[in-house]
Amino acid sequence: MGKPSKYEKETIVNFNEGEKEASIYTFNADLKRRLAEFSKKYPLLCRLEKSTPEGSVTYVLDKSRLSIRLVPPYSEERRAAARAYAKEHGFKSMPGGKDIA
C-alpha cells in the first residue's frame, strides 16, 4: 500500500451520547502533536489507541475534554478595523493585492 493522498488523510471525531469516551482518528500533524502532548500530560484522560505505518493515529479521550468551536465570519467593521491596524503598524499586503487582515 502506498502513501495516502491528501484526500485520504482524514480526521474523524467519533462519539455517541451513551459513552463517556470519544475517538479521534487523524493524519493531521498539528492535531497529532496536540493529542500526543495532551496524552502525556493527562494519561488518565487521553491515550494513544493505535498508530499506523501510513502516519495515522487514533486517540481515545474523555468526551468531556473535547470541544468543538465554531468561529463566525468577521463583520465588515472588524475587517475594516483590522485593515486600519495593519496599515498603521506596517503590515504588508498579501500577493494579489489582498490585505492580510
PDB file of N, CA and C in Angstrom:
ATOM      1  N   MET A   1       0.854  -1.188   0.000  1.00  0.00           N
ATOM      2  CA  MET A   1       0.000   0.000   0.000  1.00  0.00           C
ATOM      3  C   MET A   1       0.889   1.237   0.000  1.00  0.00           C
ATOM      4  N   GLY A   2       0.599   2.183  -0.881  1.00  0.00           N
ATOM      5  CA  GLY A   2       1.417   3.382  -1.000  1.00  0.00           C
ATOM      6  C   GLY A   2       1.032   4.466  -0.018  1.00  0.00           C
ATOM      7  N   LYS A   3       1.695   5.579  -0.192  1.00  0.00           N
ATOM      8  CA  LYS A   3       1.437   6.746   0.652  1.00  0.00           C
ATOM      9  C   LYS A   3       0.035   7.291   0.362  1.00  0.00           C
ATOM     10  N   PRO A   4      -0.761   7.576   1.398  1.00  0.00           N
ATOM     11  CA  PRO A   4      -2.113   8.097   1.166  1.00  0.00           C
ATOM     12  C   PRO A   4      -2.084   9.494   0.542  1.00  0.00           C
ATOM     13  N   SER A   5      -3.076   9.766  -0.308  1.00  0.00           N
ATOM     14  CA  SER A   5      -3.197  11.098  -0.900  1.00  0.00           C
ATOM     15  C   SER A   5      -3.740  12.061   0.151  1.00  0.00           C
ATOM     16  N   LYS A   6      -3.658  13.354  -0.129  1.00  0.00           N
ATOM     17  CA  LYS A   6      -4.207  14.347   0.804  1.00  0.00           C
ATOM     18  C   LYS A   6      -5.696  14.103   1.021  1.00  0.00           C
ATOM     19  N   TYR A   7      -6.388  13.679  -0.010  1.00  0.00           N
ATOM     20  CA  TYR A   7      -7.818  13.395   0.105  1.00  0.00           C
ATOM     21  C   TYR A   7      -8.072  12.260   1.095  1.00  0.00           C
ATOM     22  N   GLU A   8      -7.182  11.280   1.124  1.00  0.00           N
ATOM     23  CA  GLU A   8      -7.343  10.117   2.006  1.00  0.00           C
ATOM     24  C   GLU A   8      -6.909  10.393   3.443  1.00  0.00           C
ATOM     25  N   LYS A   9      -6.201  11.481   3.665  1.00  0.00           N
ATOM     26  CA  LYS A   9      -5.718  11.810   5.014  1.00  0.00           C
ATOM     27  C   LYS A   9      -6.830  12.506   5.790  1.00  0.00           C
ATOM     28  N   GLU A  10      -7.707  11.689   6.344  1.00  0.00           N
ATOM     29  CA  GLU A  10      -8.896  12.189   7.029  1.00  0.00           C
ATOM     30  C   GLU A  10      -8.643  12.463   8.503  1.00  0.00           C
ATOM     31  N   THR A  11      -9.556  13.221   9.071  1.00  0.00           N
ATOM     32  CA  THR A  11      -9.679  13.344  10.520  1.00  0.00           C
ATOM     33  C   THR A  11     -11.124  12.998  10.843  1.00  0.00           C
ATOM     34  N   ILE A  12     -11.292  12.019  11.723  1.00  0.00           N
ATOM     35  CA  ILE A  12     -12.630  11.575  12.106  1.00  0.00           C
ATOM     36  C   ILE A  12     -12.750  11.658  13.620  1.00  0.00           C
ATOM     37  N   VAL A  13     -13.727  12.424  14.084  1.00  0.00           N
ATOM     38  CA  VAL A  13     -14.036  12.520  15.513  1.00  0.00           C
ATOM     39  C   VAL A  13     -15.330  11.742  15.707  1.00  0.00           C
ATOM     40  N   ASN A  14     -15.296  10.743  16.591  1.00  0.00           N
ATOM     41  CA  ASN A  14     -16.447   9.870  16.759  1.00  0.00           C
ATOM     42  C   ASN A  14     -16.805   9.738  18.234  1.00  0.00           C
ATOM     43  N   PHE A  15     -18.057  10.031  18.553  1.00  0.00           N
ATOM     44  CA  PHE A  15     -18.561   9.797  19.905  1.00  0.00           C
ATOM     45  C   PHE A  15     -20.069   9.654  19.829  1.00  0.00           C
ATOM     46  N   ASN A  16     -20.642   9.116  20.896  1.00  0.00           N
ATOM     47  CA  ASN A  16     -22.093   8.991  20.953  1.00  0.00           C
ATOM     48  C   ASN A  16     -22.580   9.435  22.319  1.00  0.00           C
ATOM     49  N   GLU A  17     -23.881   9.520  22.470  1.00  0.00           N
ATOM     50  CA  GLU A  17     -24.468  10.015  23.715  1.00  0.00           C
ATOM     51  C   GLU A  17     -24.392   8.997  24.848  1.00  0.00           C
ATOM     52  N   GLY A  18     -24.159   7.720  24.524  1.00  0.00           N
ATOM     53  CA  GLY A  18     -24.185   6.675  25.539  1.00  0.00           C
ATOM     54  C   GLY A  18     -22.864   6.382  26.219  1.00  0.00           C
ATOM     55  N   GLU A  19     -21.755   6.856  25.658  1.00  0.00           N
ATOM     56  CA  GLU A  19     -20.436   6.549  26.215  1.00  0.00           C
ATOM     57  C   GLU A  19     -19.731   7.817  26.657  1.00  0.00           C
ATOM     58  N   LYS A  20     -18.752   7.647  27.536  1.00  0.00           N
ATOM     59  CA  LYS A  20     -18.023   8.793  28.087  1.00  0.00           C
ATOM     60  C   LYS A  20     -16.746   9.110  27.320  1.00  0.00           C
ATOM     61  N   GLU A  21     -16.406   8.283  26.328  1.00  0.00           N
ATOM     62  CA  GLU A  21     -15.169   8.497  25.583  1.00  0.00           C
ATOM     63  C   GLU A  21     -15.456   8.862  24.130  1.00  0.00           C
ATOM     64  N   ALA A  22     -14.534   9.618  23.560  1.00  0.00           N
ATOM     65  CA  ALA A  22     -14.570   9.975  22.144  1.00  0.00           C
ATOM     66  C   ALA A  22     -13.323   9.399  21.492  1.00  0.00           C
ATOM     67  N   SER A  23     -13.412   9.119  20.218  1.00  0.00           N
ATOM     68  CA  SER A  23     -12.289   8.594  19.455  1.00  0.00           C
ATOM     69  C   SER A  23     -11.922   9.613  18.379  1.00  0.00           C
ATOM     70  N   ILE A  24     -10.626   9.868  18.230  1.00  0.00           N
ATOM     71  CA  ILE A  24     -10.151  10.778  17.181  1.00  0.00           C
ATOM     72  C   ILE A  24      -9.124  10.034  16.337  1.00  0.00           C
ATOM     73  N   TYR A  25      -9.435   9.886  15.051  1.00  0.00           N
ATOM     74  CA  TYR A  25      -8.550   9.263  14.071  1.00  0.00           C
ATOM     75  C   TYR A  25      -8.079  10.383  13.155  1.00  0.00           C
ATOM     76  N   THR A  26      -6.764  10.531  12.990  1.00  0.00           N
ATOM     77  CA  THR A  26      -6.284  11.653  12.181  1.00  0.00           C
ATOM     78  C   THR A  26      -4.917  11.403  11.564  1.00  0.00           C
ATOM     79  N   PHE A  27      -4.676  12.086  10.452  1.00  0.00           N
ATOM     80  CA  PHE A  27      -3.361  12.195   9.829  1.00  0.00           C
ATOM     81  C   PHE A  27      -2.777  13.587  10.068  1.00  0.00           C
ATOM     82  N   ASN A  28      -3.587  14.522  10.548  1.00  0.00           N
ATOM     83  CA  ASN A  28      -3.199  15.920  10.687  1.00  0.00           C
ATOM     84  C   ASN A  28      -2.040  16.075  11.671  1.00  0.00           C
ATOM     85  N   ALA A  29      -0.914  16.606  11.198  1.00  0.00           N
ATOM     86  CA  ALA A  29       0.303  16.698  12.015  1.00  0.00           C
ATOM     87  C   ALA A  29       0.108  17.554  13.259  1.00  0.00           C
ATOM     88  N   ASP A  30      -0.551  18.693  13.125  1.00  0.00           N
ATOM     89  CA  ASP A  30      -0.760  19.570  14.279  1.00  0.00           C
ATOM     90  C   ASP A  30      -1.654  18.903  15.319  1.00  0.00           C
ATOM     91  N   LEU A  31      -2.726  18.278  14.869  1.00  0.00           N
ATOM     92  CA  LEU A  31      -3.629  17.603  15.801  1.00  0.00           C
ATOM     93  C   LEU A  31      -2.941  16.411  16.461  1.00  0.00           C
ATOM     94  N   LYS A  32      -2.126  15.675  15.706  1.00  0.00           N
ATOM     95  CA  LYS A  32      -1.374  14.549  16.294  1.00  0.00           C
ATOM     96  C   LYS A  32      -0.442  15.049  17.388  1.00  0.00           C
ATOM     97  N   ARG A  33       0.236  16.159  17.137  1.00  0.00           N
ATOM     98  CA  ARG A  33       1.142  16.729  18.139  1.00  0.00           C
ATOM     99  C   ARG A  33       0.368  17.157  19.380  1.00  0.00           C
ATOM    100  N   ARG A  34      -0.748  17.844  19.180  1.00  0.00           N
ATOM    101  CA  ARG A  34      -1.551  18.316  20.315  1.00  0.00           C
ATOM    102  C   ARG A  34      -2.103  17.153  21.135  1.00  0.00           C
ATOM    103  N   LEU A  35      -2.569  16.102  20.464  1.00  0.00           N
ATOM    104  CA  LEU A  35      -3.078  14.930  21.173  1.00  0.00           C
ATOM    105  C   LEU A  35      -1.962  14.209  21.928  1.00  0.00           C
ATOM    106  N   ALA A  36      -0.776  14.113  21.326  1.00  0.00           N
ATOM    107  CA  ALA A  36       0.357  13.467  21.999  1.00  0.00           C
ATOM    108  C   ALA A  36       0.740  14.234  23.260  1.00  0.00           C
ATOM    109  N   GLU A  37       0.811  15.557  23.162  1.00  0.00           N
ATOM    110  CA  GLU A  37       1.135  16.379  24.333  1.00  0.00           C
ATOM    111  C   GLU A  37       0.070  16.239  25.415  1.00  0.00           C
ATOM    112  N   PHE A  38      -1.197  16.252  25.006  1.00  0.00           N
ATOM    113  CA  PHE A  38      -2.298  16.139  25.968  1.00  0.00           C
ATOM    114  C   PHE A  38      -2.270  14.779  26.662  1.00  0.00           C
ATOM    115  N   SER A  39      -2.006  13.717  25.889  1.00  0.00           N
ATOM    116  CA  SER A  39      -1.996  12.372  26.478  1.00  0.00           C
ATOM    117  C   SER A  39      -0.824  12.182  27.435  1.00  0.00           C
ATOM    118  N   LYS A  40       0.298  12.843  27.164  1.00  0.00           N
ATOM    119  CA  LYS A  40       1.439  12.762  28.094  1.00  0.00           C
ATOM    120  C   LYS A  40       1.140  13.517  29.384  1.00  0.00           C
ATOM    121  N   LYS A  41       0.469  14.647  29.247  1.00  0.00           N
ATOM    122  CA  LYS A  41       0.163  15.469  30.413  1.00  0.00           C
ATOM    123  C   LYS A  41      -0.997  14.898  31.228  1.00  0.00           C
ATOM    124  N   TYR A  42      -1.960  14.285  30.544  1.00  0.00           N
ATOM    125  CA  TYR A  42      -3.163  13.761  31.206  1.00  0.00           C
ATOM    126  C   TYR A  42      -3.429  12.313  30.766  1.00  0.00           C
ATOM    127  N   PRO A  43      -2.577  11.375  31.161  1.00  0.00           N
ATOM    128  CA  PRO A  43      -2.719   9.989  30.690  1.00  0.00           C
ATOM    129  C   PRO A  43      -4.014   9.299  31.127  1.00  0.00           C
ATOM    130  N   LEU A  44      -4.639   9.767  32.186  1.00  0.00           N
ATOM    131  CA  LEU A  44      -5.901   9.160  32.612  1.00  0.00           C
ATOM    132  C   LEU A  44      -7.081   9.639  31.768  1.00  0.00           C
ATOM    133  N   LEU A  45      -6.896  10.736  31.044  1.00  0.00           N
ATOM    134  CA  LEU A  45      -7.974  11.305  30.237  1.00  0.00           C
ATOM    135  C   LEU A  45      -7.831  11.029  28.738  1.00  0.00           C
ATOM    136  N   CYS A  46      -6.615  10.708  28.290  1.00  0.00           N
ATOM    137  CA  CYS A  46      -6.356  10.567  26.856  1.00  0.00           C
ATOM    138  C   CYS A  46      -5.253   9.541  26.637  1.00  0.00           C
ATOM    139  N   ARG A  47      -5.466   8.631  25.683  1.00  0.00           N
ATOM    140  CA  ARG A  47      -4.439   7.623  25.405  1.00  0.00           C
ATOM    141  C   ARG A  47      -4.371   7.329  23.904  1.00  0.00           C
ATOM    142  N   LEU A  48      -3.171   6.993  23.460  1.00  0.00           N
ATOM    143  CA  LEU A  48      -2.970   6.569  22.077  1.00  0.00           C
ATOM    144  C   LEU A  48      -3.484   5.142  21.954  1.00  0.00           C
ATOM    145  N   GLU A  49      -4.422   4.936  21.074  1.00  0.00           N
ATOM    146  CA  GLU A  49      -5.017   3.617  20.868  1.00  0.00           C
ATOM    147  C   GLU A  49      -4.296   2.865  19.760  1.00  0.00           C
ATOM    148  N   LYS A  50      -3.942   3.591  18.668  1.00  0.00           N
ATOM    149  CA  LYS A  50      -3.351   2.936  17.505  1.00  0.00           C
ATOM    150  C   LYS A  50      -2.551   3.937  16.685  1.00  0.00           C
ATOM    151  N   SER A  51      -1.468   3.449  16.107  1.00  0.00           N
ATOM    152  CA  SER A  51      -0.646   4.240  15.200  1.00  0.00           C
ATOM    153  C   SER A  51      -0.343   3.362  13.994  1.00  0.00           C
ATOM    154  N   THR A  52      -0.456   3.902  12.787  1.00  0.00           N
ATOM    155  CA  THR A  52      -0.223   3.094  11.588  1.00  0.00           C
ATOM    156  C   THR A  52       1.050   3.522  10.873  1.00  0.00           C
ATOM    157  N   PRO A  53       1.645   2.627  10.090  1.00  0.00           N
ATOM    158  CA  PRO A  53       2.846   2.984   9.315  1.00  0.00           C
ATOM    159  C   PRO A  53       2.581   4.094   8.290  1.00  0.00           C
ATOM    160  N   GLU A  54       1.328   4.237   7.859  1.00  0.00           N
ATOM    161  CA  GLU A  54       0.978   5.276   6.884  1.00  0.00           C
ATOM    162  C   GLU A  54       0.976   6.665   7.499  1.00  0.00           C
ATOM    163  N   GLY A  55       0.943   6.738   8.856  1.00  0.00           N
ATOM    164  CA  GLY A  55       1.022   8.033   9.522  1.00  0.00           C
ATOM    165  C   GLY A  55      -0.213   8.449  10.296  1.00  0.00           C
ATOM    166  N   SER A  56      -1.226   7.602  10.344  1.00  0.00           N
ATOM    167  CA  SER A  56      -2.420   7.973  11.111  1.00  0.00           C
ATOM    168  C   SER A  56      -2.275   7.543  12.563  1.00  0.00           C
ATOM    169  N   VAL A  57      -3.027   8.200  13.422  1.00  0.00           N
ATOM    170  CA  VAL A  57      -3.098   7.820  14.834  1.00  0.00           C
ATOM    171  C   VAL A  57      -4.564   7.823  15.248  1.00  0.00           C
ATOM    172  N   THR A  58      -4.860   7.030  16.260  1.00  0.00           N
ATOM    173  CA  THR A  58      -6.183   7.036  16.875  1.00  0.00           C
ATOM    174  C   THR A  58      -5.994   7.233  18.365  1.00  0.00           C
ATOM    175  N   TYR A  59      -6.604   8.271  18.885  1.00  0.00           N
ATOM    176  CA  TYR A  59      -6.578   8.550  20.318  1.00  0.00           C
ATOM    177  C   TYR A  59      -7.987   8.378  20.865  1.00  0.00           C
ATOM    178  N   VAL A  60      -8.067   7.916  22.103  1.00  0.00           N
ATOM    179  CA  VAL A  60      -9.332   7.831  22.822  1.00  0.00           C
ATOM    180  C   VAL A  60      -9.210   8.773  24.002  1.00  0.00           C
ATOM    181  N   LEU A  61     -10.206   9.645  24.171  1.00  0.00           N
ATOM    182  CA  LEU A  61     -10.138  10.594  25.267  1.00  0.00           C
ATOM    183  C   LEU A  61     -11.497  10.769  25.918  1.00  0.00           C
ATOM    184  N   ASP A  62     -11.460  11.269  27.132  1.00  0.00           N
ATOM    185  CA  ASP A  62     -12.680  11.571  27.869  1.00  0.00           C
ATOM    186  C   ASP A  62     -13.466  12.613  27.077  1.00  0.00           C
ATOM    187  N   LYS A  63     -14.705  12.295  26.771  1.00  0.00           N
ATOM    188  CA  LYS A  63     -15.539  13.165  25.929  1.00  0.00           C
ATOM    189  C   LYS A  63     -15.700  14.561  26.520  1.00  0.00           C
ATOM    190  N   SER A  64     -15.645  14.668  27.838  1.00  0.00           N
ATOM    191  CA  SER A  64     -15.808  15.985  28.471  1.00  0.00           C
ATOM    192  C   SER A  64     -14.622  16.906  28.186  1.00  0.00           C
ATOM    193  N   ARG A  65     -13.509  16.371  27.702  1.00  0.00           N
ATOM    194  CA  ARG A  65     -12.320  17.167  27.381  1.00  0.00           C
ATOM    195  C   ARG A  65     -12.336  17.662  25.946  1.00  0.00           C
ATOM    196  N   LEU A  66     -13.288  17.218  25.157  1.00  0.00           N
ATOM    197  CA  LEU A  66     -13.371  17.567  23.743  1.00  0.00           C
ATOM    198  C   LEU A  66     -14.307  18.753  23.554  1.00  0.00           C
ATOM    199  N   SER A  67     -13.879  19.714  22.750  1.00  0.00           N
ATOM    200  CA  SER A  67     -14.686  20.893  22.468  1.00  0.00           C
ATOM    201  C   SER A  67     -14.662  21.154  20.967  1.00  0.00           C
ATOM    202  N   ILE A  68     -15.814  21.448  20.415  1.00  0.00           N
ATOM    203  CA  ILE A  68     -15.905  21.817  19.003  1.00  0.00           C
ATOM    204  C   ILE A  68     -16.290  23.286  18.958  1.00  0.00           C
ATOM    205  N   ARG A  69     -15.434  24.084  18.345  1.00  0.00           N
ATOM    206  CA  ARG A  69     -15.623  25.532  18.341  1.00  0.00           C
ATOM    207  C   ARG A  69     -15.973  25.999  16.935  1.00  0.00           C
ATOM    208  N   LEU A  70     -17.098  26.669  16.807  1.00  0.00           N
ATOM    209  CA  LEU A  70     -17.494  27.268  15.537  1.00  0.00           C
ATOM    210  C   LEU A  70     -17.138  28.744  15.578  1.00  0.00           C
ATOM    211  N   VAL A  71     -16.451  29.208  14.546  1.00  0.00           N
ATOM    212  CA  VAL A  71     -15.985  30.592  14.507  1.00  0.00           C
ATOM    213  C   VAL A  71     -16.767  31.339  13.430  1.00  0.00           C
ATOM    214  N   PRO A  72     -17.573  32.333  13.832  1.00  0.00           N
ATOM    215  CA  PRO A  72     -18.340  33.084  12.831  1.00  0.00           C
ATOM    216  C   PRO A  72     -17.414  33.956  11.984  1.00  0.00           C
ATOM    217  N   PRO A  73     -17.855  34.332  10.782  1.00  0.00           N
ATOM    218  CA  PRO A  73     -17.030  35.213   9.950  1.00  0.00           C
ATOM    219  C   PRO A  73     -16.923  36.598  10.579  1.00  0.00           C
ATOM    220  N   TYR A  74     -15.824  37.296  10.261  1.00  0.00           N
ATOM    221  CA  TYR A  74     -15.637  38.658  10.763  1.00  0.00           C
ATOM    222  C   TYR A  74     -16.665  39.592  10.137  1.00  0.00           C
ATOM    223  N   SER A  75     -17.169  40.529  10.932  1.00  0.00           N
ATOM    224  CA  SER A  75     -18.067  41.555  10.401  1.00  0.00           C
ATOM    225  C   SER A  75     -17.234  42.522   9.562  1.00  0.00           C
ATOM    226  N   GLU A  76     -17.898  43.281   8.720  1.00  0.00           N
ATOM    227  CA  GLU A  76     -17.187  44.258   7.892  1.00  0.00           C
ATOM    228  C   GLU A  76     -16.494  45.297   8.769  1.00  0.00           C
ATOM    229  N   GLU A  77     -17.112  45.650   9.907  1.00  0.00           N
ATOM    230  CA  GLU A  77     -16.498  46.613  10.830  1.00  0.00           C
ATOM    231  C   GLU A  77     -15.186  46.067  11.397  1.00  0.00           C
ATOM    232  N   ARG A  78     -15.198  44.788  11.783  1.00  0.00           N
ATOM    233  CA  ARG A  78     -13.984  44.193  12.345  1.00  0.00           C
ATOM    234  C   ARG A  78     -12.896  44.083  11.279  1.00  0.00           C
ATOM    235  N   ARG A  79     -13.294  43.734  10.059  1.00  0.00           N
ATOM    236  CA  ARG A  79     -12.323  43.645   8.966  1.00  0.00           C
ATOM    237  C   ARG A  79     -11.698  45.012   8.693  1.00  0.00           C
ATOM    238  N   ALA A  80     -12.527  46.062   8.699  1.00  0.00           N
ATOM    239  CA  ALA A  80     -12.027  47.421   8.456  1.00  0.00           C
ATOM    240  C   ALA A  80     -11.077  47.843   9.571  1.00  0.00           C
ATOM    241  N   ALA A  81     -11.417  47.520  10.825  1.00  0.00           N
ATOM    242  CA  ALA A  81     -10.549  47.863  11.956  1.00  0.00           C
ATOM    243  C   ALA A  81      -9.222  47.111  11.859  1.00  0.00           C
ATOM    244  N   ALA A  82      -9.261  45.845  11.475  1.00  0.00           N
ATOM    245  CA  ALA A  82      -8.032  45.060  11.335  1.00  0.00           C
ATOM    246  C   ALA A  82      -7.181  45.605  10.191  1.00  0.00           C
ATOM    247  N   ARG A  83      -7.830  46.007   9.095  1.00  0.00           N
ATOM    248  CA  ARG A  83      -7.113  46.584   7.958  1.00  0.00           C
ATOM    249  C   ARG A  83      -6.415  47.878   8.365  1.00  0.00           C
ATOM    250  N   ALA A  84      -7.138  48.734   9.097  1.00  0.00           N
ATOM    251  CA  ALA A  84      -6.564  50.004   9.556  1.00  0.00           C
ATOM    252  C   ALA A  84      -5.397  49.759  10.505  1.00  0.00           C
ATOM    253  N   TYR A  85      -5.547  48.810  11.416  1.00  0.00           N
ATOM    254  CA  TYR A  85      -4.476  48.476  12.358  1.00  0.00           C
ATOM    255  C   TYR A  85      -3.238  47.982  11.606  1.00  0.00           C
ATOM    256  N   ALA A  86      -3.458  47.117  10.613  1.00  0.00           N
ATOM    257  CA  ALA A  86      -2.344  46.567   9.844  1.00  0.00           C
ATOM    258  C   ALA A  86      -1.598  47.667   9.091  1.00  0.00           C
ATOM    259  N   LYS A  87      -2.337  48.576   8.475  1.00  0.00           N
ATOM    260  CA  LYS A  87      -1.704  49.674   7.742  1.00  0.00           C
ATOM    261  C   LYS A  87      -0.935  50.587   8.687  1.00  0.00           C
ATOM    262  N   GLU A  88      -1.529  50.861   9.842  1.00  0.00           N
ATOM    263  CA  GLU A  88      -0.902  51.736  10.834  1.00  0.00           C
ATOM    264  C   GLU A  88       0.387  51.137  11.394  1.00  0.00           C
ATOM    265  N   HIS A  89       0.438  49.812  11.500  1.00  0.00           N
ATOM    266  CA  HIS A  89       1.593  49.144  12.098  1.00  0.00           C
ATOM    267  C   HIS A  89       2.524  48.506  11.070  1.00  0.00           C
ATOM    268  N   GLY A  90       2.360  48.855   9.808  1.00  0.00           N
ATOM    269  CA  GLY A  90       3.320  48.472   8.782  1.00  0.00           C
ATOM    270  C   GLY A  90       3.207  47.060   8.241  1.00  0.00           C
ATOM    271  N   PHE A  91       2.052  46.415   8.370  1.00  0.00           N
ATOM    272  CA  PHE A  91       1.885  45.091   7.776  1.00  0.00           C
ATOM    273  C   PHE A  91       1.754  45.244   6.276  1.00  0.00           C
ATOM    274  N   LYS A  92       2.310  44.302   5.544  1.00  0.00           N
ATOM    275  CA  LYS A  92       2.269  44.339   4.085  1.00  0.00           C
ATOM    276  C   LYS A  92       1.024  43.630   3.576  1.00  0.00           C
ATOM    277  N   SER A  93       0.646  43.928   2.334  1.00  0.00           N
ATOM    278  CA  SER A  93      -0.465  43.238   1.684  1.00  0.00           C
ATOM    279  C   SER A  93      -0.001  41.875   1.206  1.00  0.00           C
ATOM    280  N   MET A  94      -0.958  40.958   1.057  1.00  0.00           N
ATOM    281  CA  MET A  94      -0.661  39.636   0.518  1.00  0.00           C
ATOM    282  C   MET A  94      -0.469  39.752  -0.986  1.00  0.00           C
ATOM    283  N   PRO A  95       0.253  38.799  -1.602  1.00  0.00           N
ATOM    284  CA  PRO A  95       0.369  38.795  -3.063  1.00  0.00           C
ATOM    285  C   PRO A  95      -1.017  38.749  -3.695  1.00  0.00           C
ATOM    286  N   GLY A  96      -1.199  39.465  -4.763  1.00  0.00           N
ATOM    287  CA  GLY A  96      -2.504  39.526  -5.410  1.00  0.00           C
ATOM    288  C   GLY A  96      -3.313  40.727  -4.973  1.00  0.00           C
ATOM    289  N   GLY A  97      -2.725  41.563  -4.097  1.00  0.00           N
ATOM    290  CA  GLY A  97      -3.373  42.793  -3.698  1.00  0.00           C
ATOM    291  C   GLY A  97      -4.355  42.679  -2.553  1.00  0.00           C
ATOM    292  N   LYS A  98      -4.510  41.501  -1.972  1.00  0.00           N
ATOM    293  CA  LYS A  98      -5.443  41.356  -0.855  1.00  0.00           C
ATOM    294  C   LYS A  98      -4.741  41.704   0.443  1.00  0.00           C
ATOM    295  N   ASP A  99      -5.467  42.368   1.333  1.00  0.00           N
ATOM    296  CA  ASP A  99      -4.911  42.691   2.646  1.00  0.00           C
ATOM    297  C   ASP A  99      -4.794  41.427   3.479  1.00  0.00           C
ATOM    298  N   ILE A 100      -3.812  41.391   4.365  1.00  0.00           N
ATOM    299  CA  ILE A 100      -3.628  40.256   5.265  1.00  0.00           C
ATOM    300  C   ILE A 100      -4.770  40.188   6.258  1.00  0.00           C
ATOM    301  N   ALA A 101      -5.200  41.321   6.780  1.00  0.00           N
ATOM    302  CA  ALA A 101      -6.238  41.351   7.824  1.00  0.00           C
ATOM    303  C   ALA A 101      -7.582  40.953   7.299  1.00  0.00           C
TER     304      ALA A 101
END
